[in-house]
């Protein structure tokens, strides 16, 4: 069986993680999101806490809004003072994603994986979204928070994901040209959305399951 990767980019509250988990369970493959930090830590020798801290710190900073460091594949060596820079931490995550794609099929959530793996033959790039009011309602229910809190949370996460994506790829997060499939989950259930993606996997990667 040829390896395939489903790279899911998603707006907050659209159900991307749930759909990714349905796909991973169906095919019996791994799903990578935060777990990627552990693997990148093992590969680089940099502590997982530093990777996680970088993830959190950039959400609070203006870094991604005012600058851009498009990923080129370069790994900064340990002797450099920039070895633990955000740019290099991203590069190690990208390195792990590429190595995983050579030996296994998997689903990955976020991490600009659609761009990192753009040269991988059996890559299926999916953008999952929904109208903001639907996303807010889902986050209210998921987290047990007020509409005001959910609205602020959705906006914050989408702004961060958009800035993170542009910073590392130079591309526009919501641009349909970056993806093979865009799904509005206000029109489909998560199960139906997973079935649509399975159809694309059958067509593109020749996996009939």
Foldseek 3Di string as FASTA:
>chain_A
DAAAEEEEEEAAQLCRVVLQVVLCVVVVAAEDDLVLLVVLCVVLVPDSVLLVVLVVVLLVDCVLVPAADADDLDADDPVDPCNSPPNNSLSSSLVVVVVCRVPHHGYYYASLNLQSCVVPQRYAYEYGYAPLVNSLVSCCVVVVDDSVVSSVVSVSVRVSSQSVNCRHHVDGSPDCVSGPYYYHCVVPPSVVVSVVVVVVSCVRVVDDD
